[in-house]
Amino acid sequence: MKSLWLDREPRFTSDAIPDEKHFETVVVGAGITGLVAALMLARAGQRVVVFEARTIGAATTGNTTGKLSLLQGGMLSALRSQYSLKLVQAYVEANRTGQAWLMQYMEQQGVAFQRRTAVTFATTDDGGQRLRREAAVSRDAGLDVHFSRDHGLPLPVIEALELEDQAQIHPMEVLETLAADIRAHGGLVVEGVQVQNVGSEQPMEISTRKGTFTADTVVLATGTPILNRGLYFAKLVPNRSYAAALRLPGETPVPQNMYLSIDPPTRSQRTYPTPGGDLLLVGGYGHQGGRATSPQAHLDDLLGWAKQLYPGGEVTHTWSAQDYQATNLVPFFGKLPRGRGRIFFATGYNKWGMSNGVAAALSVTSDILGGQSDWATTIHHRVTSPKGVAGSVTFNAGLARRMIEDRARVRNNPEITDQTRPPEGTGVVGLYKGDPAAVSTVDGTVCMVSASCAHLGGLLTWNDAEKSWDCPLHGSRFTPEGKYLEGPATHNLQKSPAKKKR
């Protein structure tokens, strides 16, 4: 699967691995947060390099639905159930700052985007009550929301809440423009370099698969921090969701707003203009990463819902994305613990990374260059509510139980042998000579790798939609050959002794 945004000829060519070994700042990750942070630092005159393990936008940013909105489903009322109104207002101001910066940047750089009304809708009585709570909190937090009488959707809707003058974007056009701008200001963006560790002494030593570098400051702009300092992997829930683009029959009207359901399962809609007419983009039907029996079934449910609403729609692209929700709901950004004040990070955007990610980048670079905003100070000094603490404890207890259950279950699975060959497009886990092994068949090639995640040893599960091995604990993902894709892991999977390709 490849997203609509990534299915194009790259307009940015990676810089070569630099001969110089020291930089003022090394940024890890070339998504929206990393590239905005790098640009701000390069504009300030710093010598900056961005290291990206794969290609720019390869993870969450390049697989988003590209909504830039302050109306975020039930997010604000969920925050208000745990925190003071002051914290909710700070969260809104952070997102407003990120949104304003990005919209102004796109206008200045000539990057096309569309201003749209954001609509959160309810299809059940329970959803209607939640939507009314969201409306009340949104108004208290300073958003000019109102209920709609003409939502424009071809389905029964009980309530619909609107916020005008939001935006939808092409995320890869934004990232490619940022990367070129970084280069124009003397920075480097280097693809295919996976950072595996960062030291704590000054200057900090950055270990990568392509050599060792040093820096005065490091910014971790990966979806989840690749360093275990602060144990943020235990404070984040990896969530995977699905998306598709459809070309509708010529006579079918395409709703022009940006829509999101407040009822589960989450269902999202927006348009994307093309020379041949608007495409309809749908998304949702998510689950915790690595936990679905069949991710493909979630995608099929999304497509079934879309085709029921829009008969005759032709699917042009399907894809999925992984994002991370903080167990206490508020994004984390700032100085990483045990980083001596020189390692910064940002994570936990809960699917609203287009605004949260930019806001986090602006806050982090302000910290580095000297200064801070009121909203960032409020967010930094929040006190996790008892409900948030309980949620974190429950989540991590569930992870511990999952690991124990998985280890017991694999002993009852069929034994893996050198002759094991799963059906095309599938993967199986079992014991090979006493050790957990994962075997898959993709495009006729059989691969055997260790079934223990390279992060903390969670037992991997097969993702039948993406044809990948996914960890149900903290969301690390790997190709059938065991190569790292995303998540807190920093190494590939170990190869089983009898790894075979037939």
Protein backbone atom coordinates (compact mmCIF):
# COMPACT_ATOMS: atom_id res chain seq x y z
CA MET A 1 0.00 0.00 0.00
CA LYS A 2 1.20 3.50 -0.82
CA SER A 3 -0.50 6.73 0.18
CA LEU A 4 -1.85 9.20 -2.35
CA TRP A 5 0.81 11.65 -1.14
CA LEU A 6 3.75 9.27 -1.55
CA ASP A 7 2.65 7.92 -4.94
CA ARG A 8 4.60 10.45 -6.95
CA GLU A 9 8.05 11.10 -8.34
CA PRO A 10 10.15 12.55 -5.48
CA ARG A 11 10.80 16.25 -5.91
CA PHE A 12 13.58 16.25 -3.35
CA THR A 13 16.90 14.45 -3.66
CA SER A 14 18.73 13.51 -0.49
CA ASP A 15 21.97 15.18 0.42
CA ALA A 16 24.99 12.90 0.51
CA ILE A 17 26.27 11.59 3.81
CA PRO A 18 28.38 14.52 5.01
CA ASP A 19 32.14 14.33 5.34
CA GLU A 20 32.00 16.75 8.25
CA LYS A 21 31.40 15.00 11.55
CA HIS A 22 30.21 17.78 13.86
CA PHE A 23 27.03 19.87 13.68
CA GLU A 24 25.48 22.37 16.01
CA THR A 25 22.22 20.41 15.87
CA VAL A 26 21.34 16.97 14.56
CA VAL A 27 17.62 16.44 13.93
CA VAL A 28 16.43 12.84 13.83
CA GLY A 29 13.39 12.30 11.62
CA ALA A 30 12.19 14.09 8.47
CA GLY A 31 8.48 14.45 9.16
CA ILE A 32 6.67 17.71 9.80
CA THR A 33 8.20 18.26 13.26
CA GLY A 34 11.78 17.51 12.26
CA LEU A 35 11.80 19.63 9.12
CA VAL A 36 10.13 22.65 10.71
CA ALA A 37 12.58 22.46 13.62
CA ALA A 38 15.56 22.14 11.27
CA LEU A 39 14.39 25.09 9.18
CA MET A 40 13.97 27.34 12.20
CA LEU A 41 17.46 26.46 13.45
CA ALA A 42 19.01 26.86 9.98
CA ARG A 43 17.35 30.25 9.62
CA ALA A 44 18.95 31.22 12.93
CA GLY A 45 22.35 30.46 11.44
CA GLN A 46 22.99 27.04 12.94
CA ARG A 47 24.78 24.30 11.05
CA VAL A 48 22.05 21.63 10.98
CA VAL A 49 21.66 18.15 9.54
CA VAL A 50 18.49 16.05 9.44
CA PHE A 51 18.99 12.27 9.47
CA GLU A 52 16.03 10.22 8.22
CA ALA A 53 16.08 6.41 8.45
CA ARG A 54 14.08 5.98 5.25
CA THR A 55 12.84 8.90 3.13
CA ILE A 56 11.21 12.18 4.07
CA GLY A 57 7.59 11.64 5.06
CA ALA A 58 7.95 7.86 5.02
CA ALA A 59 6.21 7.40 8.36
CA THR A 60 3.29 9.32 9.82
CA THR A 61 3.43 12.63 7.93
CA GLY A 62 3.42 11.05 4.49
CA ASN A 63 0.50 8.82 5.46
CA THR A 64 -1.76 11.35 7.17
CA THR A 65 -5.09 12.54 5.79
CA GLY A 66 -3.60 16.04 5.70
CA LYS A 67 -6.14 17.92 7.83
CA LEU A 68 -4.95 21.10 9.52
CA SER A 69 -7.77 21.76 11.97
CA LEU A 70 -8.43 23.10 15.46
CA LEU A 71 -11.71 21.16 15.59
CA GLN A 72 -10.42 17.74 16.56
CA GLY A 73 -13.30 15.37 17.19
CA GLY A 74 -13.77 14.91 20.93
CA MET A 75 -10.24 15.95 21.86
CA LEU A 76 -10.99 19.10 23.88
CA SER A 77 -13.75 17.61 26.02
CA ALA A 78 -11.50 14.60 26.71
CA LEU A 79 -8.77 16.97 27.89
CA ARG A 80 -11.23 18.94 30.00
CA SER A 81 -12.31 15.73 31.77
CA GLN A 82 -8.78 15.48 33.18
CA TYR A 83 -7.37 19.01 33.26
CA SER A 84 -8.19 22.62 34.03
CA LEU A 85 -9.62 24.94 31.40
CA LYS A 86 -6.27 26.75 31.42
CA LEU A 87 -4.55 23.62 30.11
CA VAL A 88 -7.19 23.14 27.42
CA GLN A 89 -6.78 26.76 26.36
CA ALA A 90 -3.00 26.27 26.20
CA TYR A 91 -3.48 23.19 24.00
CA VAL A 92 -5.75 25.16 21.66
CA GLU A 93 -3.30 28.05 21.54
CA ALA A 94 -0.45 25.67 20.71
CA ASN A 95 -2.44 24.21 17.83
CA ARG A 96 -3.53 27.67 16.70
CA THR A 97 0.12 28.76 16.64
CA GLY A 98 1.17 25.68 14.67
CA GLN A 99 -1.69 26.06 12.22
CA ALA A 100 -1.06 29.77 11.66
CA TRP A 101 2.66 29.24 11.10
CA LEU A 102 2.09 26.49 8.56
CA MET A 103 -0.64 28.30 6.65
CA GLN A 104 1.48 31.44 6.45
CA TYR A 105 4.48 29.39 5.34
CA MET A 106 2.50 27.69 2.56
CA GLU A 107 1.18 31.03 1.35
CA GLN A 108 4.68 32.52 1.29
CA GLN A 109 6.18 29.51 -0.49
CA GLY A 110 3.35 29.07 -2.98
CA VAL A 111 2.34 25.64 -1.70
CA ALA A 112 -1.27 24.96 -2.65
CA PHE A 113 -3.80 24.20 0.07
CA GLN A 114 -7.55 24.57 0.44
CA ARG A 115 -9.40 26.43 3.16
CA ARG A 116 -12.31 24.35 4.36
CA THR A 117 -14.90 24.19 7.13
CA ALA A 118 -14.15 21.41 9.60
CA VAL A 119 -17.20 19.39 10.68
CA THR A 120 -17.47 16.91 13.54
CA PHE A 121 -20.68 14.93 13.29
CA ALA A 122 -22.69 12.53 15.43
CA THR A 123 -24.90 9.70 14.21
CA THR A 124 -26.15 8.43 17.61
CA ASP A 125 -27.77 10.00 20.65
CA ASP A 126 -24.66 9.25 22.71
CA GLY A 127 -22.52 10.89 20.05
CA GLY A 128 -24.82 13.90 20.08
CA GLN A 129 -24.32 14.34 23.81
CA ARG A 130 -20.56 14.07 23.41
CA LEU A 131 -20.66 16.60 20.59
CA ARG A 132 -22.56 19.08 22.74
CA ARG A 133 -19.92 18.69 25.47
CA GLU A 134 -17.22 19.25 22.86
CA ALA A 135 -18.98 22.40 21.66
CA ALA A 136 -19.18 23.83 25.17
CA VAL A 137 -15.50 23.18 25.92
CA SER A 138 -14.46 24.46 22.48
CA ARG A 139 -16.22 27.77 23.09
CA ASP A 140 -14.72 28.05 26.57
CA ALA A 141 -11.30 27.49 24.97
CA GLY A 142 -11.86 30.30 22.45
CA LEU A 143 -13.01 28.49 19.30
CA ASP A 144 -15.87 30.01 17.31
CA VAL A 145 -17.75 26.76 16.72
CA HIS A 146 -21.41 26.48 15.81
CA PHE A 147 -23.91 23.75 15.03
CA SER A 148 -24.74 23.12 11.39
CA ARG A 149 -28.13 22.71 9.75
CA ASP A 150 -26.73 21.65 6.37
CA HIS A 151 -23.77 19.32 6.87
CA GLY A 152 -23.83 18.00 3.29
CA LEU A 153 -23.21 14.33 4.11
CA PRO A 154 -25.20 11.52 2.43
CA LEU A 155 -26.02 9.80 5.74
CA PRO A 156 -28.30 10.40 8.74
CA VAL A 157 -26.66 12.86 11.13
CA ILE A 158 -28.07 13.86 14.54
CA GLU A 159 -25.73 16.78 15.26
CA ALA A 160 -22.91 18.46 13.34
CA LEU A 161 -20.44 20.96 14.80
CA GLU A 162 -18.55 23.34 12.50
CA LEU A 163 -15.44 25.48 12.62
CA GLU A 164 -14.76 27.62 9.58
CA ASP A 165 -11.50 28.62 7.92
CA GLN A 166 -9.52 25.44 8.57
CA ALA A 167 -7.29 23.83 5.93
CA GLN A 168 -6.47 20.65 4.04
CA ILE A 169 -2.97 20.15 2.65
CA HIS A 170 -0.78 17.88 0.53
CA PRO A 171 1.73 16.87 3.23
CA MET A 172 4.51 15.81 0.86
CA GLU A 173 4.43 19.12 -0.99
CA VAL A 174 4.90 20.79 2.39
CA LEU A 175 7.77 18.48 3.41
CA GLU A 176 9.58 18.81 0.09
CA THR A 177 9.33 22.61 0.29
CA LEU A 178 10.66 22.59 3.85
CA ALA A 179 13.56 20.32 2.87
CA ALA A 180 14.53 22.57 -0.03
CA ASP A 181 14.28 25.61 2.25
CA ILE A 182 16.54 23.97 4.83
CA ARG A 183 19.13 23.37 2.12
CA ALA A 184 18.80 26.98 0.94
CA HIS A 185 19.70 28.08 4.48
CA GLY A 186 22.81 25.90 4.64
CA GLY A 187 21.32 22.81 6.27
CA LEU A 188 21.39 19.19 5.10
CA VAL A 189 18.64 16.59 4.83
CA VAL A 190 20.09 13.10 4.53
CA GLU A 191 17.87 10.10 3.84
CA GLY A 192 18.74 6.47 4.55
CA VAL A 193 20.62 7.16 7.79
CA GLN A 194 19.16 5.48 10.87
CA VAL A 195 20.24 6.93 14.20
CA GLN A 196 20.72 4.16 16.76
CA ASN A 197 21.97 5.95 19.85
CA VAL A 198 22.86 9.37 21.27
CA GLY A 199 25.47 9.84 23.97
CA SER A 200 25.17 12.25 26.86
CA GLU A 201 28.65 13.79 27.03
CA GLN A 202 29.43 17.04 25.25
CA PRO A 203 29.69 17.07 22.33
CA MET A 204 27.07 14.33 22.06
CA GLU A 205 28.01 11.32 19.97
CA ILE A 206 25.34 10.22 17.49
CA SER A 207 25.72 6.61 16.36
CA THR A 208 24.20 5.71 13.00
CA ARG A 209 24.40 2.84 10.53
CA LYS A 210 26.47 5.13 8.28
CA GLY A 211 29.01 6.37 10.80
CA THR A 212 29.34 8.42 13.95
CA PHE A 213 28.72 12.15 14.24
CA THR A 214 28.75 14.68 17.08
CA ALA A 215 26.46 17.59 17.92
CA ASP A 216 25.91 20.23 20.56
CA THR A 217 22.14 19.62 20.46
CA VAL A 218 19.94 16.76 19.24
CA VAL A 219 16.23 16.92 18.34
CA LEU A 220 14.36 13.60 18.30
CA ALA A 221 11.51 14.17 15.86
CA THR A 222 10.58 10.53 15.36
CA GLY A 223 6.98 9.39 15.87
CA THR A 224 7.97 7.99 19.24
CA PRO A 225 11.37 8.69 20.86
CA ILE A 226 14.06 6.24 19.75
CA LEU A 227 15.83 6.64 23.10
CA ASN A 228 14.39 4.90 26.16
CA ARG A 229 15.40 7.72 28.52
CA GLY A 230 12.25 8.93 30.22
CA LEU A 231 10.45 5.69 29.29
CA TYR A 232 8.14 7.51 26.91
CA PHE A 233 7.44 4.28 25.05
CA ALA A 234 5.51 3.31 28.20
CA LYS A 235 3.52 6.57 28.12
CA LEU A 236 2.35 6.28 24.52
CA VAL A 237 -0.29 4.13 22.85
CA PRO A 238 0.53 3.33 19.19
CA ASN A 239 -2.62 3.61 17.09
CA ARG A 240 -2.92 2.47 13.49
CA SER A 241 -5.65 3.80 11.20
CA TYR A 242 -6.55 3.43 7.53
CA ALA A 243 -7.24 5.67 4.57
CA ALA A 244 -8.30 5.43 0.95
CA ALA A 245 -8.78 7.69 -2.05
CA LEU A 246 -11.78 7.17 -4.32
CA ARG A 247 -12.74 8.63 -7.68
CA LEU A 248 -16.51 9.00 -7.72
CA PRO A 249 -18.74 8.73 -10.79
CA GLY A 250 -19.12 12.03 -12.60
CA GLU A 251 -22.65 12.70 -11.42
CA THR A 252 -21.89 12.03 -7.74
CA PRO A 253 -21.51 15.22 -5.66
CA VAL A 254 -18.42 15.23 -3.43
CA PRO A 255 -18.92 16.88 -0.01
CA GLN A 256 -16.47 19.78 0.19
CA ASN A 257 -15.99 20.15 3.94
CA MET A 258 -13.60 18.17 6.15
CA TYR A 259 -15.58 15.67 8.20
CA LEU A 260 -14.88 13.54 11.27
CA SER A 261 -17.28 11.37 13.25
CA ILE A 262 -17.37 11.57 17.02
CA ASP A 263 -18.96 8.11 17.23
CA PRO A 264 -16.77 5.03 16.98
CA PRO A 265 -15.43 3.74 14.71
CA THR A 266 -13.82 7.00 13.63
CA ARG A 267 -14.73 7.96 10.07
CA SER A 268 -13.07 10.83 8.24
CA GLN A 269 -13.70 12.51 4.88
CA ARG A 270 -12.09 15.25 2.83
CA THR A 271 -11.45 15.99 -0.82
CA TYR A 272 -8.29 16.30 -2.89
CA PRO A 273 -8.39 18.34 -6.12
CA THR A 274 -6.88 16.75 -9.26
CA PRO A 275 -6.98 17.79 -12.93
CA GLY A 276 -9.56 15.05 -13.46
CA GLY A 277 -11.80 16.25 -10.65
CA ASP A 278 -11.89 15.91 -6.88
CA LEU A 279 -10.95 12.65 -5.22
CA LEU A 280 -12.74 11.66 -2.03
CA LEU A 281 -10.41 10.72 0.82
CA VAL A 282 -11.83 8.58 3.63
CA GLY A 283 -10.11 7.39 6.78
CA GLY A 284 -10.51 5.78 10.17
CA TYR A 285 -11.36 2.31 11.53
CA GLY A 286 -8.24 2.34 13.68
CA HIS A 287 -6.89 -0.01 16.33
CA GLN A 288 -3.90 -0.29 18.64
CA GLY A 289 -0.78 -1.07 16.64
CA GLY A 290 0.02 -4.76 16.37
CA ARG A 291 -3.21 -5.77 18.12
CA ALA A 292 -5.63 -6.41 15.23
CA THR A 293 -6.28 -10.01 14.22
CA SER A 294 -6.51 -8.75 10.63
CA PRO A 295 -5.59 -5.16 9.79
CA GLN A 296 -6.87 -5.85 6.27
CA ALA A 297 -10.33 -6.40 7.75
CA HIS A 298 -10.25 -2.86 9.19
CA LEU A 299 -9.34 -1.49 5.77
CA ASP A 300 -12.08 -3.57 4.16
CA ASP A 301 -14.60 -2.18 6.65
CA LEU A 302 -13.56 1.37 5.74
CA LEU A 303 -13.90 0.65 2.02
CA GLY A 304 -17.24 -1.04 2.54
CA TRP A 305 -18.58 1.98 4.40
CA ALA A 306 -17.30 4.38 1.72
CA LYS A 307 -18.75 2.37 -1.16
CA GLN A 308 -22.09 2.10 0.61
CA LEU A 309 -22.25 5.90 0.85
CA TYR A 310 -20.83 6.50 -2.61
CA PRO A 311 -21.79 3.63 -4.94
CA GLY A 312 -19.57 3.26 -7.97
CA GLY A 313 -16.53 4.85 -6.32
CA GLU A 314 -13.24 3.62 -7.80
CA VAL A 315 -10.49 3.09 -5.23
CA THR A 316 -7.23 4.64 -6.43
CA HIS A 317 -5.10 4.33 -3.28
CA THR A 318 -5.22 2.65 0.12
CA TRP A 319 -2.80 3.22 2.97
CA SER A 320 -2.41 3.29 6.73
CA ALA A 321 -0.62 5.41 9.30
CA GLN A 322 0.59 5.03 12.85
CA ASP A 323 0.33 7.78 15.40
CA TYR A 324 0.92 7.88 19.14
CA GLN A 325 -1.48 8.95 21.85
CA ALA A 326 -0.11 10.03 25.21
CA THR A 327 -1.75 8.01 27.96
CA ASN A 328 -2.55 11.34 29.64
CA LEU A 329 -3.74 12.80 26.27
CA VAL A 330 -1.39 15.84 26.15
CA PRO A 331 1.52 15.79 23.67
CA PHE A 332 5.03 15.57 25.10
CA PHE A 333 7.72 17.97 23.86
CA GLY A 334 10.76 19.66 25.30
CA LYS A 335 13.91 18.39 26.98
CA LEU A 336 14.37 14.64 27.19
CA PRO A 337 15.20 13.36 30.69
CA ARG A 338 18.85 12.43 31.23
CA GLY A 339 19.82 14.42 28.16
CA ARG A 340 21.64 17.14 30.16
CA GLY A 341 19.32 19.73 28.65
CA ARG A 342 20.71 19.17 25.15
CA ILE A 343 18.41 16.43 23.81
CA PHE A 344 14.93 17.56 22.80
CA PHE A 345 11.97 15.50 21.65
CA ALA A 346 8.31 15.70 20.63
CA THR A 347 5.66 12.99 20.45
CA GLY A 348 2.08 12.03 21.31
CA TYR A 349 0.09 14.12 18.79
CA ASN A 350 -2.88 11.71 18.82
CA LYS A 351 -3.49 12.01 15.05
CA TRP A 352 -3.37 15.82 15.02
CA GLY A 353 0.26 16.19 14.02
CA MET A 354 -0.15 18.82 11.32
CA SER A 355 -0.78 21.49 13.97
CA ASN A 356 0.66 19.83 17.08
CA GLY A 357 3.83 18.84 15.24
CA VAL A 358 4.54 22.36 14.04
CA ALA A 359 3.75 23.80 17.48
CA ALA A 360 6.15 21.33 19.11
CA ALA A 361 8.88 22.23 16.61
CA LEU A 362 8.43 25.94 17.31
CA SER A 363 8.57 25.34 21.07
CA VAL A 364 11.65 23.12 20.89
CA THR A 365 13.56 25.53 18.68
CA SER A 366 12.56 28.41 20.95
CA ASP A 367 14.06 26.44 23.86
CA ILE A 368 17.27 25.87 21.93
CA LEU A 369 17.62 29.44 20.76
CA GLY A 370 16.41 31.04 23.99
CA GLY A 371 12.82 31.86 24.89
CA GLN A 372 9.47 30.17 25.48
CA SER A 373 5.77 30.80 25.00
CA ASP A 374 3.07 30.96 27.66
CA TRP A 375 1.17 28.01 26.20
CA ALA A 376 4.29 25.83 26.23
CA THR A 377 5.00 26.74 29.85
CA THR A 378 1.45 25.79 30.84
CA ILE A 379 1.68 22.45 29.02
CA HIS A 380 5.10 21.68 30.49
CA HIS A 381 3.91 22.34 34.03
CA ARG A 382 0.72 20.30 33.84
CA VAL A 383 0.05 17.77 36.58
CA THR A 384 -1.21 14.43 35.31
CA SER A 385 -4.68 13.79 36.68
CA PRO A 386 -5.56 10.65 38.67
CA LYS A 387 -7.52 9.51 35.63
CA GLY A 388 -4.43 9.91 33.45
CA VAL A 389 -2.23 8.05 35.93
CA ALA A 390 -4.77 5.23 36.13
CA GLY A 391 -4.89 5.02 32.34
CA SER A 392 -1.12 4.71 32.13
CA VAL A 393 -1.02 2.02 34.82
CA THR A 394 -3.79 0.06 33.11
CA PHE A 395 -2.10 0.36 29.71
CA ASN A 396 1.26 -0.89 30.94
CA ALA A 397 -0.28 -3.66 33.01
CA GLY A 398 -1.99 -4.77 29.83
CA LEU A 399 1.32 -4.78 27.99
CA ALA A 400 2.95 -6.95 30.64
CA ARG A 401 0.03 -9.36 30.53
CA ARG A 402 0.17 -9.42 26.72
CA MET A 403 3.86 -10.33 26.72
CA ILE A 404 3.30 -13.22 29.15
CA GLU A 405 0.29 -14.50 27.23
CA ASP A 406 2.08 -14.26 23.88
CA ARG A 407 5.08 -16.23 25.16
CA ALA A 408 2.75 -18.93 26.45
CA ARG A 409 0.72 -18.96 23.24
CA VAL A 410 3.70 -19.34 20.90
CA ARG A 411 4.66 -22.59 22.60
CA ASN A 412 1.34 -24.00 21.45
CA ASN A 413 1.72 -22.82 17.85
CA PRO A 414 2.89 -25.25 15.16
CA GLU A 415 6.67 -25.62 15.17
CA ILE A 416 8.62 -23.64 12.58
CA THR A 417 10.93 -25.74 10.40
CA ASP A 418 13.14 -25.14 7.40
CA GLN A 419 10.23 -26.33 5.24
CA THR A 420 7.67 -23.88 6.67
CA ARG A 421 6.12 -21.93 3.81
CA PRO A 422 3.03 -19.83 4.67
CA PRO A 423 0.50 -19.06 1.93
CA GLU A 424 1.22 -16.00 -0.20
CA GLY A 425 0.73 -12.74 1.71
CA THR A 426 0.66 -14.34 5.15
CA GLY A 427 3.01 -14.79 8.10
CA VAL A 428 3.18 -17.25 10.98
CA VAL A 429 4.94 -17.26 14.35
CA GLY A 430 6.21 -20.32 16.19
CA LEU A 431 9.27 -21.87 17.79
CA TYR A 432 12.28 -22.68 15.65
CA LYS A 433 14.79 -24.80 17.56
CA GLY A 434 13.31 -23.41 20.77
CA ASP A 435 13.36 -19.71 19.82
CA PRO A 436 10.44 -17.57 18.56
CA ALA A 437 10.64 -17.23 14.78
CA ALA A 438 8.50 -15.38 12.25
CA VAL A 439 8.09 -16.69 8.70
CA SER A 440 6.27 -14.95 5.87
CA THR A 441 5.71 -15.32 2.15
CA VAL A 442 5.49 -12.12 0.10
CA ASP A 443 5.72 -12.05 -3.70
CA GLY A 444 6.84 -15.66 -3.63
CA THR A 445 9.77 -15.03 -1.30
CA VAL A 446 9.86 -16.84 2.04
CA CYS A 447 11.70 -15.04 4.84
CA MET A 448 12.44 -16.19 8.37
CA VAL A 449 13.42 -13.71 11.09
CA SER A 450 13.32 -13.55 14.85
CA ALA A 451 9.79 -13.05 16.17
CA SER A 452 11.11 -10.99 19.11
CA CYS A 453 10.87 -7.23 18.59
CA ALA A 454 14.25 -5.49 18.43
CA HIS A 455 13.02 -2.95 20.99
CA LEU A 456 12.04 -4.86 24.14
CA GLY A 457 11.36 -8.35 22.83
CA GLY A 458 7.59 -8.27 22.30
CA LEU A 459 6.28 -11.12 20.18
CA LEU A 460 5.54 -9.81 16.70
CA THR A 461 2.26 -10.18 14.81
CA TRP A 462 1.66 -10.29 11.05
CA ASN A 463 0.08 -7.24 9.42
CA ASP A 464 -1.85 -8.63 6.44
CA ALA A 465 -2.62 -5.16 5.08
CA GLU A 466 0.92 -3.75 5.04
CA LYS A 467 2.74 -7.11 4.81
CA SER A 468 4.88 -6.26 7.81
CA TRP A 469 5.77 -7.58 11.27
CA ASP A 470 4.29 -5.32 13.97
CA CYS A 471 4.96 -5.25 17.70
CA PRO A 472 1.80 -5.23 19.88
CA LEU A 473 3.64 -3.60 22.79
CA HIS A 474 5.04 -0.27 21.59
CA GLY A 475 4.39 -0.22 17.85
CA SER A 476 7.75 -0.98 16.24
CA ARG A 477 7.34 -2.34 12.70
CA PHE A 478 9.59 -4.30 10.34
CA THR A 479 9.57 -5.55 6.75
CA PRO A 480 9.23 -9.29 6.04
CA GLU A 481 13.04 -9.36 5.79
CA GLY A 482 13.31 -7.79 9.25
CA LYS A 483 14.31 -4.27 8.24
CA TYR A 484 13.17 -1.46 10.56
CA LEU A 485 10.19 0.61 9.42
CA GLU A 486 9.05 2.71 12.39
CA GLY A 487 8.60 2.79 16.15
CA PRO A 488 10.96 2.97 19.14
CA ALA A 489 13.26 0.17 17.90
CA THR A 490 16.65 1.24 16.54
CA HIS A 491 17.81 -2.07 15.04
CA ASN A 492 16.60 -4.56 12.48
CA LEU A 493 15.25 -7.92 13.57
CA GLN A 494 17.77 -10.64 14.24
CA LYS A 495 18.03 -13.20 11.47
CA SER A 496 17.06 -16.72 12.44
CA PRO A 497 19.94 -19.19 11.86
CA ALA A 498 18.16 -20.90 8.99
CA LYS A 499 16.71 -17.87 7.30
CA LYS A 500 15.85 -18.98 3.78
CA LYS A 501 14.71 -17.37 0.58
CA ARG A 502 13.17 -19.75 -1.92
